[in-house]
N, C-alpha and C. Protein backbone atom coordinates (compact mmCIF):
# COMPACT_ATOMS: atom_id res chain seq x y z
N MET A 1 235.13 50.07 -25.50
CA MET A 1 235.11 49.14 -24.38
C MET A 1 234.34 47.88 -24.79
N LYS A 2 234.88 46.75 -24.44
CA LYS A 2 234.22 45.49 -24.72
C LYS A 2 233.06 45.28 -23.75
N LYS A 3 232.01 44.65 -24.24
CA LYS A 3 230.86 44.35 -23.39
C LYS A 3 231.28 43.34 -22.32
N ILE A 4 230.82 43.59 -21.09
CA ILE A 4 231.16 42.73 -19.96
C ILE A 4 229.94 41.87 -19.63
N SER A 5 230.15 40.55 -19.63
CA SER A 5 229.04 39.64 -19.34
C SER A 5 228.96 39.34 -17.85
N VAL A 6 227.76 39.01 -17.40
CA VAL A 6 227.56 38.61 -16.01
C VAL A 6 228.37 37.35 -15.72
N LYS A 7 228.49 36.48 -16.71
CA LYS A 7 229.28 35.25 -16.56
C LYS A 7 230.74 35.59 -16.23
N ASP A 8 231.32 36.55 -16.95
CA ASP A 8 232.71 36.97 -16.67
C ASP A 8 232.83 37.63 -15.30
N LEU A 9 231.85 38.46 -14.95
CA LEU A 9 231.87 39.11 -13.64
C LEU A 9 231.83 38.06 -12.53
N LYS A 10 230.93 37.11 -12.69
CA LYS A 10 230.79 36.05 -11.67
C LYS A 10 232.06 35.21 -11.57
N ALA A 11 232.66 34.89 -12.70
CA ALA A 11 233.87 34.06 -12.71
C ALA A 11 235.06 34.76 -12.05
N ASN A 12 235.07 36.09 -12.09
CA ASN A 12 236.18 36.86 -11.53
C ASN A 12 235.85 37.53 -10.20
N CYS A 13 234.66 37.27 -9.69
CA CYS A 13 234.24 37.88 -8.43
C CYS A 13 235.15 37.45 -7.28
N ASP A 14 235.45 38.38 -6.42
CA ASP A 14 236.31 38.19 -5.25
C ASP A 14 237.78 37.96 -5.61
N LYS A 15 238.14 38.21 -6.85
CA LYS A 15 239.54 38.15 -7.25
C LYS A 15 240.10 39.58 -7.27
N ARG A 16 241.42 39.66 -7.15
CA ARG A 16 242.12 40.94 -7.20
C ARG A 16 243.34 40.79 -8.10
N LYS A 17 243.67 41.87 -8.76
CA LYS A 17 244.90 41.91 -9.53
C LYS A 17 245.66 43.16 -9.09
N HIS A 18 246.88 42.98 -8.62
CA HIS A 18 247.69 44.10 -8.16
C HIS A 18 248.11 44.94 -9.36
N GLY A 19 248.27 46.22 -9.15
CA GLY A 19 248.67 47.12 -10.22
C GLY A 19 249.96 46.71 -10.90
N SER A 20 250.88 46.13 -10.15
CA SER A 20 252.16 45.70 -10.73
C SER A 20 252.00 44.45 -11.59
N GLN A 21 250.85 43.79 -11.51
CA GLN A 21 250.60 42.58 -12.29
C GLN A 21 249.84 42.87 -13.58
N LEU A 22 249.39 44.10 -13.75
CA LEU A 22 248.61 44.46 -14.93
C LEU A 22 249.49 44.47 -16.18
N GLU A 23 248.96 43.91 -17.25
CA GLU A 23 249.60 44.05 -18.56
C GLU A 23 249.39 45.49 -19.00
N ARG A 24 250.24 45.98 -19.86
CA ARG A 24 250.16 47.39 -20.29
C ARG A 24 248.78 47.70 -20.89
N PHE A 25 248.26 46.81 -21.74
CA PHE A 25 246.96 47.06 -22.36
C PHE A 25 245.84 47.08 -21.32
N GLU A 26 245.99 46.30 -20.24
CA GLU A 26 244.98 46.29 -19.18
C GLU A 26 245.00 47.63 -18.43
N GLU A 27 246.20 48.07 -18.10
CA GLU A 27 246.34 49.35 -17.40
C GLU A 27 245.79 50.50 -18.25
N LEU A 28 246.16 50.53 -19.51
CA LEU A 28 245.66 51.59 -20.40
C LEU A 28 244.15 51.52 -20.55
N GLY A 29 243.61 50.31 -20.63
CA GLY A 29 242.16 50.14 -20.73
C GLY A 29 241.43 50.65 -19.49
N LEU A 30 242.01 50.37 -18.30
CA LEU A 30 241.39 50.87 -17.07
C LEU A 30 241.45 52.38 -17.00
N TRP A 31 242.60 52.96 -17.39
CA TRP A 31 242.71 54.43 -17.40
C TRP A 31 241.69 55.04 -18.35
N LYS A 32 241.52 54.43 -19.50
CA LYS A 32 240.55 54.94 -20.47
C LYS A 32 239.14 54.93 -19.88
N ARG A 33 238.80 53.83 -19.22
CA ARG A 33 237.47 53.73 -18.62
C ARG A 33 237.28 54.75 -17.50
N LEU A 34 238.31 54.94 -16.67
CA LEU A 34 238.22 55.93 -15.59
C LEU A 34 238.07 57.34 -16.14
N LYS A 35 238.86 57.66 -17.13
CA LYS A 35 238.86 59.03 -17.66
C LYS A 35 237.67 59.32 -18.57
N ASN A 36 236.97 58.29 -19.01
CA ASN A 36 235.77 58.50 -19.82
C ASN A 36 234.59 58.99 -18.98
N VAL A 37 234.71 58.88 -17.67
CA VAL A 37 233.66 59.37 -16.78
C VAL A 37 234.01 60.82 -16.42
N GLU A 38 233.11 61.72 -16.71
CA GLU A 38 233.33 63.14 -16.42
C GLU A 38 233.37 63.37 -14.91
N GLU A 39 234.13 64.37 -14.49
CA GLU A 39 234.28 64.65 -13.05
C GLU A 39 232.93 64.82 -12.36
N TRP A 40 232.00 65.50 -12.99
CA TRP A 40 230.71 65.77 -12.38
C TRP A 40 229.86 64.50 -12.23
N GLN A 41 230.21 63.43 -12.98
CA GLN A 41 229.44 62.20 -12.92
C GLN A 41 229.77 61.33 -11.71
N TRP A 42 230.98 61.49 -11.15
CA TRP A 42 231.39 60.68 -10.01
C TRP A 42 230.63 61.12 -8.76
N GLU A 43 230.08 60.17 -8.05
CA GLU A 43 229.38 60.43 -6.78
C GLU A 43 230.25 59.89 -5.64
N ILE A 44 230.28 60.60 -4.54
CA ILE A 44 231.00 60.11 -3.36
C ILE A 44 229.95 59.56 -2.41
N ILE A 45 230.00 58.25 -2.17
CA ILE A 45 228.97 57.63 -1.33
C ILE A 45 229.22 57.94 0.15
N ASP A 46 228.21 57.72 0.95
CA ASP A 46 228.28 58.03 2.38
C ASP A 46 229.45 57.37 3.08
N HIS A 47 229.74 56.12 2.72
CA HIS A 47 230.86 55.42 3.36
C HIS A 47 232.17 56.19 3.17
N ALA A 48 232.41 56.67 1.97
CA ALA A 48 233.63 57.43 1.70
C ALA A 48 233.64 58.73 2.50
N LEU A 49 232.50 59.39 2.59
CA LEU A 49 232.41 60.63 3.38
C LEU A 49 232.65 60.34 4.86
N ASP A 50 232.10 59.22 5.35
CA ASP A 50 232.33 58.82 6.74
C ASP A 50 233.81 58.57 7.00
N ARG A 51 234.49 57.91 6.05
CA ARG A 51 235.92 57.63 6.20
C ARG A 51 236.73 58.94 6.28
N LEU A 52 236.35 59.92 5.49
CA LEU A 52 237.03 61.21 5.55
C LEU A 52 236.93 61.79 6.96
N GLU A 53 235.72 61.74 7.50
CA GLU A 53 235.50 62.28 8.84
C GLU A 53 236.22 61.46 9.91
N GLU A 54 236.08 60.12 9.84
CA GLU A 54 236.71 59.24 10.82
C GLU A 54 238.22 59.42 10.88
N LYS A 55 238.83 59.57 9.71
CA LYS A 55 240.28 59.66 9.62
C LYS A 55 240.80 61.09 9.70
N GLY A 56 239.89 62.05 9.77
CA GLY A 56 240.30 63.45 9.84
C GLY A 56 241.00 63.92 8.57
N ILE A 57 240.58 63.39 7.44
CA ILE A 57 241.20 63.74 6.16
C ILE A 57 240.56 65.01 5.63
N GLN A 58 241.39 66.02 5.44
CA GLN A 58 240.93 67.29 4.90
C GLN A 58 241.07 67.24 3.38
N ALA A 59 240.06 66.74 2.71
CA ALA A 59 240.09 66.63 1.26
C ALA A 59 238.74 67.04 0.69
N THR A 60 238.79 67.81 -0.36
CA THR A 60 237.57 68.24 -1.03
C THR A 60 237.15 67.18 -2.05
N ARG A 61 235.96 67.34 -2.56
CA ARG A 61 235.47 66.44 -3.61
C ARG A 61 236.45 66.49 -4.79
N HIS A 62 236.90 67.69 -5.14
CA HIS A 62 237.84 67.84 -6.25
C HIS A 62 239.16 67.11 -5.96
N ASP A 63 239.65 67.18 -4.72
CA ASP A 63 240.88 66.47 -4.35
C ASP A 63 240.73 64.97 -4.61
N ILE A 64 239.59 64.45 -4.22
CA ILE A 64 239.36 63.01 -4.36
C ILE A 64 239.22 62.63 -5.82
N ILE A 65 238.39 63.34 -6.56
CA ILE A 65 238.16 63.03 -7.96
C ILE A 65 239.44 63.23 -8.78
N SER A 66 240.27 64.19 -8.38
CA SER A 66 241.49 64.46 -9.14
C SER A 66 242.50 63.32 -9.05
N THR A 67 242.30 62.40 -8.12
CA THR A 67 243.22 61.25 -8.07
C THR A 67 243.15 60.46 -9.38
N ILE A 68 242.05 60.58 -10.10
CA ILE A 68 241.91 59.88 -11.37
C ILE A 68 242.98 60.35 -12.36
N SER A 69 243.32 61.62 -12.31
CA SER A 69 244.29 62.16 -13.26
C SER A 69 245.73 62.11 -12.77
N HIS A 70 245.91 62.00 -11.47
CA HIS A 70 247.25 62.12 -10.89
C HIS A 70 247.50 61.00 -9.90
N SER A 71 247.55 59.76 -10.41
CA SER A 71 247.69 58.63 -9.49
C SER A 71 248.28 57.41 -10.18
N SER A 72 248.43 56.38 -9.40
CA SER A 72 248.85 55.06 -9.89
C SER A 72 247.76 54.06 -9.54
N ILE A 73 247.57 53.08 -10.42
CA ILE A 73 246.61 52.02 -10.14
C ILE A 73 247.28 51.03 -9.19
N ILE A 74 246.65 50.81 -8.06
CA ILE A 74 247.16 49.90 -7.04
C ILE A 74 246.52 48.52 -7.18
N GLU A 75 245.23 48.50 -7.56
CA GLU A 75 244.52 47.23 -7.57
C GLU A 75 243.27 47.32 -8.44
N TYR A 76 242.95 46.19 -9.06
CA TYR A 76 241.68 46.02 -9.79
C TYR A 76 241.01 44.82 -9.15
N ARG A 77 239.71 44.94 -8.89
CA ARG A 77 239.01 43.81 -8.29
C ARG A 77 237.53 43.84 -8.64
N ILE A 78 236.89 42.70 -8.45
CA ILE A 78 235.45 42.60 -8.66
C ILE A 78 234.85 42.04 -7.38
N VAL A 79 233.83 42.73 -6.89
CA VAL A 79 233.12 42.28 -5.69
C VAL A 79 231.63 42.17 -6.03
N TYR A 80 230.92 41.43 -5.18
CA TYR A 80 229.47 41.39 -5.32
C TYR A 80 228.90 42.39 -4.33
N ASN A 81 228.20 43.39 -4.86
CA ASN A 81 227.62 44.45 -4.04
C ASN A 81 226.23 44.00 -3.59
N ARG A 82 226.13 43.59 -2.35
CA ARG A 82 224.86 43.06 -1.83
C ARG A 82 223.76 44.12 -1.80
N LYS A 83 224.14 45.35 -1.50
CA LYS A 83 223.15 46.43 -1.43
C LYS A 83 222.45 46.62 -2.78
N HIS A 84 223.23 46.60 -3.85
CA HIS A 84 222.67 46.82 -5.19
C HIS A 84 222.37 45.52 -5.93
N LYS A 85 222.75 44.39 -5.30
CA LYS A 85 222.53 43.07 -5.87
C LYS A 85 223.10 42.94 -7.27
N LYS A 86 224.37 43.38 -7.40
CA LYS A 86 225.05 43.24 -8.68
C LYS A 86 226.56 43.24 -8.46
N TYR A 87 227.27 42.80 -9.48
CA TYR A 87 228.73 42.77 -9.43
C TYR A 87 229.26 44.18 -9.64
N ASP A 88 230.40 44.45 -9.01
CA ASP A 88 230.95 45.80 -8.99
C ASP A 88 232.45 45.74 -9.30
N GLU A 89 232.85 46.36 -10.40
CA GLU A 89 234.27 46.46 -10.74
C GLU A 89 234.85 47.67 -10.02
N ARG A 90 235.97 47.47 -9.36
CA ARG A 90 236.58 48.56 -8.59
C ARG A 90 238.06 48.70 -8.90
N VAL A 91 238.52 49.94 -8.83
CA VAL A 91 239.93 50.25 -9.03
C VAL A 91 240.39 51.05 -7.82
N VAL A 92 241.50 50.64 -7.23
CA VAL A 92 242.11 51.38 -6.12
C VAL A 92 243.24 52.22 -6.69
N LEU A 93 243.20 53.51 -6.41
CA LEU A 93 244.21 54.44 -6.91
C LEU A 93 244.96 55.09 -5.76
N ARG A 94 246.25 55.33 -5.98
CA ARG A 94 247.09 56.03 -5.02
C ARG A 94 247.51 57.35 -5.66
N SER A 95 247.10 58.45 -5.04
CA SER A 95 247.41 59.78 -5.57
C SER A 95 248.91 60.03 -5.54
N LYS A 96 249.38 60.75 -6.53
CA LYS A 96 250.79 61.15 -6.55
C LYS A 96 251.01 62.42 -5.73
N ALA A 97 249.93 63.11 -5.42
CA ALA A 97 250.01 64.33 -4.63
C ALA A 97 250.36 64.00 -3.18
N VAL A 98 251.15 64.86 -2.57
CA VAL A 98 251.55 64.69 -1.18
C VAL A 98 250.69 65.60 -0.30
N VAL A 99 250.14 65.02 0.76
CA VAL A 99 249.29 65.75 1.68
C VAL A 99 250.00 65.80 3.03
N ASN A 100 250.01 66.95 3.66
CA ASN A 100 250.65 67.13 4.97
C ASN A 100 252.10 66.64 5.00
N LYS A 101 252.77 66.77 3.89
CA LYS A 101 254.20 66.44 3.74
C LYS A 101 254.54 64.97 3.96
N ARG A 102 253.55 64.12 4.25
CA ARG A 102 253.87 62.73 4.59
C ARG A 102 252.93 61.69 3.99
N PHE A 103 251.84 62.09 3.38
CA PHE A 103 250.81 61.13 3.01
C PHE A 103 250.39 61.24 1.54
N ASN A 104 249.87 60.13 1.03
CA ASN A 104 249.19 60.08 -0.27
C ASN A 104 247.74 59.67 -0.02
N LEU A 105 246.84 60.29 -0.73
CA LEU A 105 245.43 59.93 -0.67
C LEU A 105 245.20 58.70 -1.54
N HIS A 106 244.41 57.76 -1.05
CA HIS A 106 244.00 56.57 -1.80
C HIS A 106 242.49 56.63 -1.97
N ALA A 107 242.01 56.17 -3.11
CA ALA A 107 240.57 56.15 -3.34
C ALA A 107 240.18 54.87 -4.08
N VAL A 108 239.01 54.35 -3.73
CA VAL A 108 238.44 53.21 -4.42
C VAL A 108 237.31 53.74 -5.30
N PHE A 109 237.45 53.52 -6.60
CA PHE A 109 236.44 53.96 -7.56
C PHE A 109 235.69 52.76 -8.11
N SER A 110 234.37 52.85 -8.10
CA SER A 110 233.54 51.82 -8.71
C SER A 110 233.31 52.20 -10.16
N LEU A 111 233.85 51.38 -11.06
CA LEU A 111 233.62 51.60 -12.48
C LEU A 111 232.17 51.30 -12.84
N THR A 112 231.56 50.41 -12.09
CA THR A 112 230.19 50.00 -12.35
C THR A 112 229.19 51.11 -12.00
N ASN A 113 229.36 51.68 -10.81
CA ASN A 113 228.38 52.66 -10.31
C ASN A 113 228.83 54.10 -10.44
N LYS A 114 230.07 54.32 -10.91
CA LYS A 114 230.64 55.66 -11.03
C LYS A 114 230.60 56.38 -9.68
N THR A 115 231.07 55.65 -8.65
CA THR A 115 231.09 56.21 -7.31
C THR A 115 232.47 56.08 -6.68
N VAL A 116 232.74 56.96 -5.74
CA VAL A 116 233.91 56.83 -4.88
C VAL A 116 233.43 56.03 -3.69
N VAL A 117 233.98 54.84 -3.52
CA VAL A 117 233.51 53.91 -2.50
C VAL A 117 234.17 54.16 -1.15
N SER A 118 235.49 54.45 -1.16
CA SER A 118 236.21 54.66 0.08
C SER A 118 237.45 55.50 -0.18
N VAL A 119 237.96 56.11 0.87
CA VAL A 119 239.21 56.88 0.80
C VAL A 119 239.99 56.66 2.08
N TRP A 120 241.31 56.79 1.99
CA TRP A 120 242.17 56.73 3.16
C TRP A 120 243.52 57.33 2.79
N MET A 121 244.37 57.49 3.79
CA MET A 121 245.72 58.03 3.58
C MET A 121 246.73 56.97 3.99
N ASN A 122 247.83 56.93 3.27
CA ASN A 122 248.98 56.11 3.65
C ASN A 122 250.22 56.99 3.59
N ARG A 123 251.18 56.66 4.41
CA ARG A 123 252.46 57.38 4.38
C ARG A 123 253.10 57.22 3.00
N ILE A 124 253.77 58.25 2.56
CA ILE A 124 254.42 58.24 1.25
C ILE A 124 255.34 57.04 1.09
N LYS A 125 256.10 56.74 2.13
CA LYS A 125 257.10 55.67 2.03
C LYS A 125 256.51 54.28 2.28
N ASP A 126 255.22 54.20 2.61
CA ASP A 126 254.59 52.91 2.86
C ASP A 126 254.35 52.20 1.52
N ARG A 127 255.13 51.19 1.24
CA ARG A 127 255.00 50.42 0.01
C ARG A 127 254.50 49.02 0.31
N HIS A 128 253.90 48.86 1.46
CA HIS A 128 253.24 47.61 1.85
C HIS A 128 254.15 46.39 1.74
N ASP A 129 255.26 46.47 2.44
CA ASP A 129 256.20 45.35 2.47
C ASP A 129 255.56 44.09 3.02
N THR A 130 254.50 44.25 3.80
CA THR A 130 253.83 43.09 4.40
C THR A 130 252.63 42.62 3.56
N LEU A 131 252.53 43.12 2.34
CA LEU A 131 251.41 42.76 1.47
C LEU A 131 251.34 41.25 1.27
N ASP A 132 250.14 40.69 1.40
CA ASP A 132 249.93 39.26 1.22
C ASP A 132 249.63 38.99 -0.26
N TRP A 133 250.64 38.54 -0.98
CA TRP A 133 250.50 38.31 -2.42
C TRP A 133 249.55 37.16 -2.73
N LYS A 134 249.22 36.35 -1.75
CA LYS A 134 248.27 35.25 -1.98
C LYS A 134 246.87 35.78 -2.27
N LEU A 135 246.61 37.04 -1.92
CA LEU A 135 245.31 37.64 -2.19
C LEU A 135 245.12 38.02 -3.66
N TYR A 136 246.22 38.04 -4.40
CA TYR A 136 246.19 38.53 -5.78
C TYR A 136 246.36 37.40 -6.78
N ASP A 137 245.71 37.59 -7.93
CA ASP A 137 245.75 36.60 -9.00
C ASP A 137 246.25 37.28 -10.27
N LYS A 138 247.51 37.03 -10.61
CA LYS A 138 248.10 37.68 -11.78
C LYS A 138 247.42 37.23 -13.08
N ASN A 139 246.70 36.11 -13.04
CA ASN A 139 246.01 35.61 -14.22
C ASN A 139 244.56 36.09 -14.32
N MET A 140 244.12 36.88 -13.35
CA MET A 140 242.76 37.41 -13.38
C MET A 140 242.54 38.21 -14.66
N LYS A 141 241.36 38.05 -15.21
CA LYS A 141 241.00 38.77 -16.42
C LYS A 141 240.50 40.17 -16.05
N VAL A 142 241.10 41.19 -16.64
CA VAL A 142 240.61 42.56 -16.47
C VAL A 142 239.54 42.75 -17.54
N LEU A 143 238.33 42.99 -17.10
CA LEU A 143 237.19 43.02 -18.01
C LEU A 143 237.07 44.37 -18.72
N GLY A 144 236.44 44.34 -19.87
CA GLY A 144 236.13 45.57 -20.60
C GLY A 144 237.30 46.18 -21.35
N VAL A 145 238.45 45.50 -21.38
CA VAL A 145 239.61 46.06 -22.10
C VAL A 145 240.00 45.17 -23.26
């Protein structure tokens, strides 16, 4: 993995790159970074646990962490985490597993903190036809690859 500078993080903060916009080497690099973190190292933060409860999602820690092995990358983004006062690289994943015959589990993983930030469910057939492509920057630099 290439060293990531604060300058690069700051320059790409608040940008997003959709999974369909990733170059092959970027996607492979993100997968490598995700899979280099052992399952036991990932922490599920309170917000993600609250979302499980709020949405009535019956998912175990293993179900959530397993999305790393059985999913598609939906989005890469960098945000400024005010709580930790640092930049945070995040990857949104959509599980390939079907839950309740109609849904896929989605999870936001922080590559920076090795945490599960949030989770939710979307219908299998929901491909976000109303997605606002103006939010995404196909020229955004995927760091560390």
